[in-house]
């Protein structure tokens, strides 16, 4: 069986570059997974940015979509992020201490916390939220692909591959 490395050595030109680019891809995947693990451990974007030698905003821009997609796919939530329904119930408890005759003053008007709401409705709503988050993640990926195709087309100006590069950009740009 021929390994990727021996294949790279047998090729006339480009084999070493191809193998090196594959290693860089694997390293990028490993770094992305490490960021996900760090977020699961409770690290902030500042912690991750510091470890990566960048700002927290840069770290979030670079890996936020991957972390968000992983979180959505695995239906994970950071323990500190219980959502608005949990917050509304906490406010209910506080308000009930001041006005004991109104136990559910806040949540009574919220359909998301309505106990009569069916389980199927809640699951459907959750599935829609997951689908929306995945669509946003895919939209980010498509924006990056479009930008890369545009940059390639722009760089190809005045070369033999100009027409093909512009057509590729047009194909990624057209909906």
Foldseek 3Di string as FASTA:
>chain_A
DDDLLVVLVPDDPDSVVVVVVVVVVVVVVVLLVVVLVCVQVPDQLCNVQVVVVHHSVVSCVVRVLVNLLVCLVVVHDDPVPPDDLVVLQVVLVVVCVVPVVRNNVRCVPPPLNDPVDDPVVNVVVSVVVSVVSVVVSVVVVLVVVLVVLVVQLVVCPPHPCNVVSVVVSVVSPDD
